[in-house]
PDB file of N, CA and C in Angstrom:
ATOM      1  N   UNK A   1      73.133 136.053 130.177  1.00  0.00           N
ATOM      2  CA  UNK A   1      72.899 137.127 129.242  1.00  0.00           C
ATOM      3  C   UNK A   1      74.152 137.283 128.388  1.00  0.00           C
ATOM      4  N   UNK A   2      73.945 137.684 127.118  1.00  0.00           N
ATOM      5  CA  UNK A   2      75.049 137.883 126.188  1.00  0.00           C
ATOM      6  C   UNK A   2      74.919 139.248 125.531  1.00  0.00           C
ATOM      7  N   UNK A   3      76.068 139.870 125.288  1.00  0.00           N
ATOM      8  CA  UNK A   3      76.116 141.171 124.632  1.00  0.00           C
ATOM      9  C   UNK A   3      76.774 141.012 123.266  1.00  0.00           C
ATOM     10  N   UNK A   4      76.105 141.499 122.238  1.00  0.00           N
ATOM     11  CA  UNK A   4      76.662 141.560 120.889  1.00  0.00           C
ATOM     12  C   UNK A   4      77.141 142.989 120.693  1.00  0.00           C
ATOM     13  N   UNK A   5      78.408 143.149 120.349  1.00  0.00           N
ATOM     14  CA  UNK A   5      78.995 144.484 120.207  1.00  0.00           C
ATOM     15  C   UNK A   5      79.510 144.637 118.786  1.00  0.00           C
ATOM     16  N   UNK A   6      78.874 145.534 118.038  1.00  0.00           N
ATOM     17  CA  UNK A   6      79.293 145.834 116.672  1.00  0.00           C
ATOM     18  C   UNK A   6      80.016 147.180 116.701  1.00  0.00           C
ATOM     19  N   UNK A   7      81.214 147.219 116.137  1.00  0.00           N
ATOM     20  CA  UNK A   7      82.021 148.434 116.105  1.00  0.00           C
ATOM     21  C   UNK A   7      81.924 149.070 114.721  1.00  0.00           C
ATOM     22  N   UNK A   8      81.724 150.378 114.710  1.00  0.00           N
ATOM     23  CA  UNK A   8      81.618 151.140 113.462  1.00  0.00           C
ATOM     24  C   UNK A   8      82.592 152.306 113.472  1.00  0.00           C
ATOM     25  N   UNK A   9      83.100 152.648 112.296  1.00  0.00           N
ATOM     26  CA  UNK A   9      83.905 153.863 112.124  1.00  0.00           C
ATOM     27  C   UNK A   9      83.252 154.703 111.044  1.00  0.00           C
ATOM     28  N   UNK A  10      83.490 156.003 111.133  1.00  0.00           N
ATOM     29  CA  UNK A  10      82.896 156.908 110.152  1.00  0.00           C
ATOM     30  C   UNK A  10      81.420 157.087 110.402  1.00  0.00           C
ATOM     31  N   UNK A  11      80.737 157.588 109.401  1.00  0.00           N
ATOM     32  CA  UNK A  11      79.301 157.812 109.540  1.00  0.00           C
ATOM     33  C   UNK A  11      79.003 159.129 110.218  1.00  0.00           C
ATOM     34  N   UNK A  12      77.756 159.317 110.556  1.00  0.00           N
ATOM     35  CA  UNK A  12      77.283 160.575 111.138  1.00  0.00           C
ATOM     36  C   UNK A  12      76.449 160.253 112.375  1.00  0.00           C
ATOM     37  N   UNK A  13      77.065 160.379 113.538  1.00  0.00           N
ATOM     38  CA  UNK A  13      76.411 160.008 114.794  1.00  0.00           C
ATOM     39  C   UNK A  13      75.146 160.821 115.037  1.00  0.00           C
ATOM     40  N   UNK A  14      75.186 162.120 114.751  1.00  0.00           N
ATOM     41  CA  UNK A  14      74.006 162.961 114.996  1.00  0.00           C
ATOM     42  C   UNK A  14      72.835 162.541 114.118  1.00  0.00           C
ATOM     43  N   UNK A  15      73.090 162.292 112.843  1.00  0.00           N
ATOM     44  CA  UNK A  15      72.017 161.847 111.941  1.00  0.00           C
ATOM     45  C   UNK A  15      71.517 160.459 112.330  1.00  0.00           C
ATOM     46  N   UNK A  16      72.418 159.590 112.744  1.00  0.00           N
ATOM     47  CA  UNK A  16      72.018 158.254 113.180  1.00  0.00           C
ATOM     48  C   UNK A  16      71.101 158.341 114.395  1.00  0.00           C
ATOM     49  N   UNK A  17      71.445 159.196 115.330  1.00  0.00           N
ATOM     50  CA  UNK A  17      70.613 159.385 116.514  1.00  0.00           C
ATOM     51  C   UNK A  17      69.245 159.936 116.122  1.00  0.00           C
ATOM     52  N   UNK A  18      69.212 160.914 115.213  1.00  0.00           N
ATOM     53  CA  UNK A  18      67.942 161.503 114.781  1.00  0.00           C
ATOM     54  C   UNK A  18      67.065 160.465 114.081  1.00  0.00           C
ATOM     55  N   UNK A  19      67.661 159.664 113.193  1.00  0.00           N
ATOM     56  CA  UNK A  19      66.904 158.626 112.493  1.00  0.00           C
ATOM     57  C   UNK A  19      66.334 157.620 113.490  1.00  0.00           C
ATOM     58  N   UNK A  20      67.144 157.207 114.451  1.00  0.00           N
ATOM     59  CA  UNK A  20      66.687 156.234 115.458  1.00  0.00           C
ATOM     60  C   UNK A  20      65.539 156.794 116.280  1.00  0.00           C
ATOM     61  N   UNK A  21      65.656 158.044 116.714  1.00  0.00           N
ATOM     62  CA  UNK A  21      64.590 158.660 117.506  1.00  0.00           C
ATOM     63  C   UNK A  21      63.306 158.782 116.697  1.00  0.00           C
ATOM     64  N   UNK A  22      63.418 159.168 115.430  1.00  0.00           N
ATOM     65  CA  UNK A  22      62.231 159.289 114.578  1.00  0.00           C
ATOM     66  C   UNK A  22      61.551 157.939 114.409  1.00  0.00           C
ATOM     67  N   UNK A  23      62.329 156.899 114.180  1.00  0.00           N
ATOM     68  CA  UNK A  23      61.752 155.567 113.991  1.00  0.00           C
ATOM     69  C   UNK A  23      61.105 155.053 115.268  1.00  0.00           C
ATOM     70  N   UNK A  24      61.706 155.338 116.418  1.00  0.00           N
ATOM     71  CA  UNK A  24      61.104 154.904 117.682  1.00  0.00           C
ATOM     72  C   UNK A  24      59.786 155.625 117.921  1.00  0.00           C
ATOM     73  N   UNK A  25      59.767 156.946 117.702  1.00  0.00           N
ATOM     74  CA  UNK A  25      58.544 157.725 117.912  1.00  0.00           C
ATOM     75  C   UNK A  25      57.427 157.288 116.974  1.00  0.00           C
ATOM     76  N   UNK A  26      57.788 156.916 115.748  1.00  0.00           N
ATOM     77  CA  UNK A  26      56.800 156.512 114.759  1.00  0.00           C
ATOM     78  C   UNK A  26      56.415 155.034 114.884  1.00  0.00           C
ATOM     79  N   UNK A  27      57.061 154.315 115.802  1.00  0.00           N
ATOM     80  CA  UNK A  27      56.784 152.896 115.957  1.00  0.00           C
ATOM     81  C   UNK A  27      57.342 152.064 114.815  1.00  0.00           C
ATOM     82  N   UNK A  28      58.346 152.598 114.129  1.00  0.00           N
ATOM     83  CA  UNK A  28      58.923 151.917 112.971  1.00  0.00           C
ATOM     84  C   UNK A  28      60.233 151.209 113.296  1.00  0.00           C
ATOM     85  N   UNK A  29      60.656 151.261 114.541  1.00  0.00           N
ATOM     86  CA  UNK A  29      61.885 150.578 114.926  1.00  0.00           C
ATOM     87  C   UNK A  29      61.576 149.095 114.990  1.00  0.00           C
ATOM     88  N   UNK A  30      62.290 148.314 114.216  1.00  0.00           N
ATOM     89  CA  UNK A  30      62.022 146.884 114.132  1.00  0.00           C
ATOM     90  C   UNK A  30      63.309 146.121 114.470  1.00  0.00           C
ATOM     91  N   UNK A  31      63.648 146.046 115.750  1.00  0.00           N
ATOM     92  CA  UNK A  31      64.881 145.355 116.137  1.00  0.00           C
ATOM     93  C   UNK A  31      64.746 143.849 115.943  1.00  0.00           C
ATOM     94  N   UNK A  32      65.851 143.150 115.927  1.00  0.00           N
ATOM     95  CA  UNK A  32      65.795 141.694 115.813  1.00  0.00           C
ATOM     96  C   UNK A  32      65.032 141.078 116.986  1.00  0.00           C
ATOM     97  N   UNK A  33      64.404 139.950 116.728  1.00  0.00           N
ATOM     98  CA  UNK A  33      63.730 139.215 117.798  1.00  0.00           C
ATOM     99  C   UNK A  33      64.757 138.829 118.854  1.00  0.00           C
ATOM    100  N   UNK A  34      64.362 138.902 120.094  1.00  0.00           N
ATOM    101  CA  UNK A  34      65.228 138.477 121.182  1.00  0.00           C
ATOM    102  C   UNK A  34      66.055 139.570 121.824  1.00  0.00           C
ATOM    103  N   UNK A  35      66.095 140.759 121.224  1.00  0.00           N
ATOM    104  CA  UNK A  35      66.863 141.852 121.827  1.00  0.00           C
ATOM    105  C   UNK A  35      66.181 142.279 123.119  1.00  0.00           C
ATOM    106  N   UNK A  36      66.921 142.267 124.215  1.00  0.00           N
ATOM    107  CA  UNK A  36      66.402 142.677 125.513  1.00  0.00           C
ATOM    108  C   UNK A  36      66.674 144.156 125.797  1.00  0.00           C
ATOM    109  N   UNK A  37      67.771 144.644 125.246  1.00  0.00           N
ATOM    110  CA  UNK A  37      68.195 146.022 125.493  1.00  0.00           C
ATOM    111  C   UNK A  37      69.192 146.389 124.412  1.00  0.00           C
ATOM    112  N   UNK A  38      69.250 147.672 124.062  1.00  0.00           N
ATOM    113  CA  UNK A  38      70.217 148.135 123.072  1.00  0.00           C
ATOM    114  C   UNK A  38      70.747 149.497 123.492  1.00  0.00           C
ATOM    115  N   UNK A  39      72.008 149.743 123.161  1.00  0.00           N
ATOM    116  CA  UNK A  39      72.591 151.057 123.417  1.00  0.00           C
ATOM    117  C   UNK A  39      73.641 151.362 122.366  1.00  0.00           C
ATOM    118  N   UNK A  40      73.825 152.645 122.102  1.00  0.00           N
ATOM    119  CA  UNK A  40      74.832 153.100 121.170  1.00  0.00           C
ATOM    120  C   UNK A  40      75.818 153.968 121.938  1.00  0.00           C
ATOM    121  N   UNK A  41      77.084 153.589 121.886  1.00  0.00           N
ATOM    122  CA  UNK A  41      78.144 154.338 122.550  1.00  0.00           C
ATOM    123  C   UNK A  41      78.971 155.022 121.477  1.00  0.00           C
ATOM    124  N   UNK A  42      79.248 156.314 121.645  1.00  0.00           N
ATOM    125  CA  UNK A  42      79.991 157.065 120.635  1.00  0.00           C
ATOM    126  C   UNK A  42      81.246 157.685 121.230  1.00  0.00           C
ATOM    127  N   UNK A  43      82.325 157.595 120.489  1.00  0.00           N
ATOM    128  CA  UNK A  43      83.558 158.318 120.790  1.00  0.00           C
ATOM    129  C   UNK A  43      83.752 159.294 119.644  1.00  0.00           C
ATOM    130  N   UNK A  44      83.227 160.480 119.802  1.00  0.00           N
ATOM    131  CA  UNK A  44      83.239 161.464 118.722  1.00  0.00           C
ATOM    132  C   UNK A  44      84.655 161.888 118.345  1.00  0.00           C
ATOM    133  N   UNK A  45      85.572 161.827 119.300  1.00  0.00           N
ATOM    134  CA  UNK A  45      86.950 162.212 119.020  1.00  0.00           C
ATOM    135  C   UNK A  45      87.645 161.278 118.050  1.00  0.00           C
ATOM    136  N   UNK A  46      87.307 159.997 118.115  1.00  0.00           N
ATOM    137  CA  UNK A  46      87.943 159.027 117.216  1.00  0.00           C
ATOM    138  C   UNK A  46      86.990 158.575 116.110  1.00  0.00           C
ATOM    139  N   UNK A  47      85.772 159.137 116.095  1.00  0.00           N
ATOM    140  CA  UNK A  47      84.789 158.808 115.066  1.00  0.00           C
ATOM    141  C   UNK A  47      84.449 157.321 115.065  1.00  0.00           C
ATOM    142  N   UNK A  48      84.310 156.751 116.274  1.00  0.00           N
ATOM    143  CA  UNK A  48      83.953 155.333 116.431  1.00  0.00           C
ATOM    144  C   UNK A  48      82.679 155.225 117.250  1.00  0.00           C
ATOM    145  N   UNK A  49      81.936 154.153 116.968  1.00  0.00           N
ATOM    146  CA  UNK A  49      80.716 153.872 117.720  1.00  0.00           C
ATOM    147  C   UNK A  49      80.646 152.383 118.021  1.00  0.00           C
ATOM    148  N   UNK A  50      80.067 152.061 119.167  1.00  0.00           N
ATOM    149  CA  UNK A  50      79.785 150.676 119.539  1.00  0.00           C
ATOM    150  C   UNK A  50      78.279 150.545 119.672  1.00  0.00           C
ATOM    151  N   UNK A  51      77.709 149.586 118.944  1.00  0.00           N
ATOM    152  CA  UNK A  51      76.288 149.289 119.048  1.00  0.00           C
ATOM    153  C   UNK A  51      76.182 148.001 119.842  1.00  0.00           C
ATOM    154  N   UNK A  52      75.656 148.109 121.063  1.00  0.00           N
ATOM    155  CA  UNK A  52      75.622 146.990 121.994  1.00  0.00           C
ATOM    156  C   UNK A  52      74.169 146.540 122.164  1.00  0.00           C
ATOM    157  N   UNK A  53      73.942 145.250 121.931  1.00  0.00           N
ATOM    158  CA  UNK A  53      72.613 144.676 122.134  1.00  0.00           C
ATOM    159  C   UNK A  53      72.744 143.488 123.082  1.00  0.00           C
ATOM    160  N   UNK A  54      71.733 143.298 123.894  1.00  0.00           N
ATOM    161  CA  UNK A  54      71.753 142.255 124.913  1.00  0.00           C
ATOM    162  C   UNK A  54      70.678 141.209 124.606  1.00  0.00           C
ATOM    163  N   UNK A  55      71.055 139.953 124.798  1.00  0.00           N
ATOM    164  CA  UNK A  55      70.193 138.808 124.526  1.00  0.00           C
ATOM    165  C   UNK A  55      70.265 137.831 125.686  1.00  0.00           C
ATOM    166  N   UNK A  56      69.252 136.975 125.802  1.00  0.00           N
ATOM    167  CA  UNK A  56      69.229 135.970 126.862  1.00  0.00           C
ATOM    168  C   UNK A  56      70.167 134.802 126.596  1.00  0.00           C
ATOM    169  N   UNK A  57      70.489 134.528 125.320  1.00  0.00           N
ATOM    170  CA  UNK A  57      71.326 133.371 125.010  1.00  0.00           C
ATOM    171  C   UNK A  57      72.185 133.633 123.772  1.00  0.00           C
ATOM    172  N   UNK A  58      73.231 132.856 123.637  1.00  0.00           N
ATOM    173  CA  UNK A  58      74.088 132.938 122.448  1.00  0.00           C
ATOM    174  C   UNK A  58      73.296 132.528 121.203  1.00  0.00           C
ATOM    175  N   UNK A  59      72.369 131.589 121.366  1.00  0.00           N
ATOM    176  CA  UNK A  59      71.541 131.158 120.245  1.00  0.00           C
ATOM    177  C   UNK A  59      70.658 132.297 119.746  1.00  0.00           C
ATOM    178  N   UNK A  60      70.153 133.117 120.665  1.00  0.00           N
ATOM    179  CA  UNK A  60      69.330 134.264 120.272  1.00  0.00           C
ATOM    180  C   UNK A  60      70.164 135.285 119.502  1.00  0.00           C
ATOM    181  N   UNK A  61      71.421 135.444 119.897  1.00  0.00           N
ATOM    182  CA  UNK A  61      72.324 136.347 119.164  1.00  0.00           C
ATOM    183  C   UNK A  61      72.484 135.838 117.733  1.00  0.00           C
ATOM    184  N   UNK A  62      72.774 134.563 117.593  1.00  0.00           N
ATOM    185  CA  UNK A  62      72.975 133.977 116.260  1.00  0.00           C
ATOM    186  C   UNK A  62      71.707 134.098 115.415  1.00  0.00           C
ATOM    187  N   UNK A  63      70.560 133.880 116.008  1.00  0.00           N
ATOM    188  CA  UNK A  63      69.293 133.961 115.275  1.00  0.00           C
ATOM    189  C   UNK A  63      69.002 135.380 114.794  1.00  0.00           C
ATOM    190  N   UNK A  64      69.568 136.380 115.443  1.00  0.00           N
ATOM    191  CA  UNK A  64      69.306 137.780 115.097  1.00  0.00           C
ATOM    192  C   UNK A  64      70.207 138.307 113.976  1.00  0.00           C
ATOM    193  N   UNK A  65      71.225 137.567 113.585  1.00  0.00           N
ATOM    194  CA  UNK A  65      72.212 138.087 112.629  1.00  0.00           C
ATOM    195  C   UNK A  65      71.594 138.519 111.302  1.00  0.00           C
ATOM    196  N   UNK A  66      70.677 137.756 110.769  1.00  0.00           N
ATOM    197  CA  UNK A  66      70.075 138.128 109.483  1.00  0.00           C
ATOM    198  C   UNK A  66      69.363 139.471 109.589  1.00  0.00           C
ATOM    199  N   UNK A  67      68.660 139.694 110.688  1.00  0.00           N
ATOM    200  CA  UNK A  67      67.965 140.980 110.864  1.00  0.00           C
ATOM    201  C   UNK A  67      68.968 142.118 111.022  1.00  0.00           C
ATOM    202  N   UNK A  68      70.071 141.896 111.731  1.00  0.00           N
ATOM    203  CA  UNK A  68      71.089 142.939 111.840  1.00  0.00           C
ATOM    204  C   UNK A  68      71.617 143.318 110.460  1.00  0.00           C
ATOM    205  N   UNK A  69      71.828 142.323 109.614  1.00  0.00           N
ATOM    206  CA  UNK A  69      72.314 142.600 108.255  1.00  0.00           C
ATOM    207  C   UNK A  69      71.307 143.445 107.483  1.00  0.00           C
ATOM    208  N   UNK A  70      70.031 143.109 107.574  1.00  0.00           N
ATOM    209  CA  UNK A  70      69.028 143.883 106.839  1.00  0.00           C
ATOM    210  C   UNK A  70      68.862 145.282 107.421  1.00  0.00           C
ATOM    211  N   UNK A  71      69.061 145.436 108.742  1.00  0.00           N
ATOM    212  CA  UNK A  71      68.995 146.766 109.349  1.00  0.00           C
ATOM    213  C   UNK A  71      70.082 147.660 108.767  1.00  0.00           C
ATOM    214  N   UNK A  72      71.257 147.099 108.527  1.00  0.00           N
ATOM    215  CA  UNK A  72      72.338 147.872 107.937  1.00  0.00           C
ATOM    216  C   UNK A  72      71.976 148.407 106.572  1.00  0.00           C
ATOM    217  N   UNK A  73      71.183 147.654 105.829  1.00  0.00           N
ATOM    218  CA  UNK A  73      70.755 148.093 104.502  1.00  0.00           C
ATOM    219  C   UNK A  73      69.723 149.215 104.574  1.00  0.00           C
ATOM    220  N   UNK A  74      69.086 149.398 105.720  1.00  0.00           N
ATOM    221  CA  UNK A  74      68.038 150.414 105.881  1.00  0.00           C
ATOM    222  C   UNK A  74      68.608 151.781 106.241  1.00  0.00           C
ATOM    223  N   UNK A  75      69.882 151.844 106.563  1.00  0.00           N
ATOM    224  CA  UNK A  75      70.520 153.101 106.972  1.00  0.00           C
ATOM    225  C   UNK A  75      71.581 153.440 105.932  1.00  0.00           C
ATOM    226  N   UNK A  76      71.545 154.647 105.379  1.00  0.00           N
ATOM    227  CA  UNK A  76      72.533 155.009 104.360  1.00  0.00           C
ATOM    228  C   UNK A  76      73.970 154.853 104.874  1.00  0.00           C
ATOM    229  N   UNK A  77      74.866 154.429 103.990  1.00  0.00           N
ATOM    230  CA  UNK A  77      76.266 154.206 104.361  1.00  0.00           C
ATOM    231  C   UNK A  77      76.915 155.428 104.985  1.00  0.00           C
ATOM    232  N   UNK A  78      76.585 156.634 104.466  1.00  0.00           N
ATOM    233  CA  UNK A  78      77.223 157.841 104.995  1.00  0.00           C
ATOM    234  C   UNK A  78      76.760 158.172 106.405  1.00  0.00           C
ATOM    235  N   UNK A  79      75.656 157.575 106.829  1.00  0.00           N
ATOM    236  CA  UNK A  79      75.157 157.748 108.197  1.00  0.00           C
ATOM    237  C   UNK A  79      75.663 156.611 109.075  1.00  0.00           C
ATOM    238  N   UNK A  80      75.524 155.391 108.601  1.00  0.00           N
ATOM    239  CA  UNK A  80      75.888 154.194 109.374  1.00  0.00           C
ATOM    240  C   UNK A  80      77.384 154.083 109.588  1.00  0.00           C
ATOM    241  N   UNK A  81      78.165 154.430 108.587  1.00  0.00           N
ATOM    242  CA  UNK A  81      79.603 154.215 108.659  1.00  0.00           C
ATOM    243  C   UNK A  81      79.919 152.781 108.266  1.00  0.00           C
ATOM    244  N   UNK A  82      81.137 152.368 108.534  1.00  0.00           N
ATOM    245  CA  UNK A  82      81.565 151.015 108.173  1.00  0.00           C
ATOM    246  C   UNK A  82      81.688 150.161 109.419  1.00  0.00           C
ATOM    247  N   UNK A  83      81.039 149.010 109.384  1.00  0.00           N
ATOM    248  CA  UNK A  83      81.168 148.073 110.502  1.00  0.00           C
ATOM    249  C   UNK A  83      82.531 147.401 110.391  1.00  0.00           C
ATOM    250  N   UNK A  84      83.308 147.487 111.452  1.00  0.00           N
ATOM    251  CA  UNK A  84      84.660 146.932 111.425  1.00  0.00           C
ATOM    252  C   UNK A  84      84.785 145.627 112.199  1.00  0.00           C
ATOM    253  N   UNK A  85      83.855 145.364 113.107  1.00  0.00           N
ATOM    254  CA  UNK A  85      83.897 144.101 113.838  1.00  0.00           C
ATOM    255  C   UNK A  85      82.569 143.838 114.529  1.00  0.00           C
ATOM    256  N   UNK A  86      82.356 142.557 114.827  1.00  0.00           N
ATOM    257  CA  UNK A  86      81.214 142.117 115.640  1.00  0.00           C
ATOM    258  C   UNK A  86      81.751 141.071 116.597  1.00  0.00           C
ATOM    259  N   UNK A  87      81.513 141.284 117.881  1.00  0.00           N
ATOM    260  CA  UNK A  87      81.948 140.342 118.907  1.00  0.00           C
ATOM    261  C   UNK A  87      80.779 140.035 119.826  1.00  0.00           C
ATOM    262  N   UNK A  88      80.830 138.875 120.452  1.00  0.00           N
ATOM    263  CA  UNK A  88      79.805 138.481 121.416  1.00  0.00           C
ATOM    264  C   UNK A  88      80.499 138.115 122.718  1.00  0.00           C
ATOM    265  N   UNK A  89      79.985 138.666 123.813  1.00  0.00           N
ATOM    266  CA  UNK A  89      80.538 138.416 125.140  1.00  0.00           C
ATOM    267  C   UNK A  89      79.440 137.948 126.074  1.00  0.00           C
ATOM    268  N   UNK A  90      79.776 137.055 126.977  1.00  0.00           N
ATOM    269  CA  UNK A  90      78.865 136.713 128.049  1.00  0.00           C
ATOM    270  C   UNK A  90      78.923 137.828 129.081  1.00  0.00           C
ATOM    271  N   UNK A  91      77.770 138.276 129.542  1.00  0.00           N
ATOM    272  CA  UNK A  91      77.716 139.300 130.589  1.00  0.00           C
ATOM    273  C   UNK A  91      77.912 138.584 131.915  1.00  0.00           C
ATOM    274  N   UNK A  92      79.033 138.837 132.556  1.00  0.00           N
ATOM    275  CA  UNK A  92      79.373 138.164 133.798  1.00  0.00           C
ATOM    276  C   UNK A  92      78.941 138.989 134.996  1.00  0.00           C
ATOM    277  N   UNK A  93      78.929 140.311 134.829  1.00  0.00           N
ATOM    278  CA  UNK A  93      78.583 141.204 135.934  1.00  0.00           C
ATOM    279  C   UNK A  93      77.853 142.404 135.365  1.00  0.00           C
ATOM    280  N   UNK A  94      76.717 142.775 135.957  1.00  0.00           N
ATOM    281  CA  UNK A  94      75.944 143.946 135.532  1.00  0.00           C
ATOM    282  C   UNK A  94      75.266 144.497 136.775  1.00  0.00           C
ATOM    283  N   UNK A  95      75.730 145.623 137.248  1.00  0.00           N
ATOM    284  CA  UNK A  95      75.199 146.192 138.478  1.00  0.00           C
ATOM    285  C   UNK A  95      74.926 147.677 138.301  1.00  0.00           C
ATOM    286  N   UNK A  96      73.698 148.100 138.517  1.00  0.00           N
ATOM    287  CA  UNK A  96      73.388 149.519 138.526  1.00  0.00           C
ATOM    288  C   UNK A  96      73.737 150.082 139.895  1.00  0.00           C
ATOM    289  N   UNK A  97      74.268 151.263 139.909  1.00  0.00           N
ATOM    290  CA  UNK A  97      74.669 151.873 141.182  1.00  0.00           C
ATOM    291  C   UNK A  97      73.971 153.190 141.368  1.00  0.00           C
TER     292      UNK A  97
END
């Protein structure tokens, strides 16, 4: 399994959460093909967010990049903030406790 982690600064976490919830409820959430799981982590004190998505392979991560780019265009800049980095990590350990 691989995790794609996109880091964002700025934006509006509350509005982003509301938009995401509305799209999920309306069935309008259209994530990239191959996404197994997604989560948004927020550090409100530093105004940073990590958008973490999980895929079965590195190839699936690469295949999803075009859709991630178009998703960014669907969210206003003042809500999304600025993406400062994108990294991919192999998930070596994942244990629910």
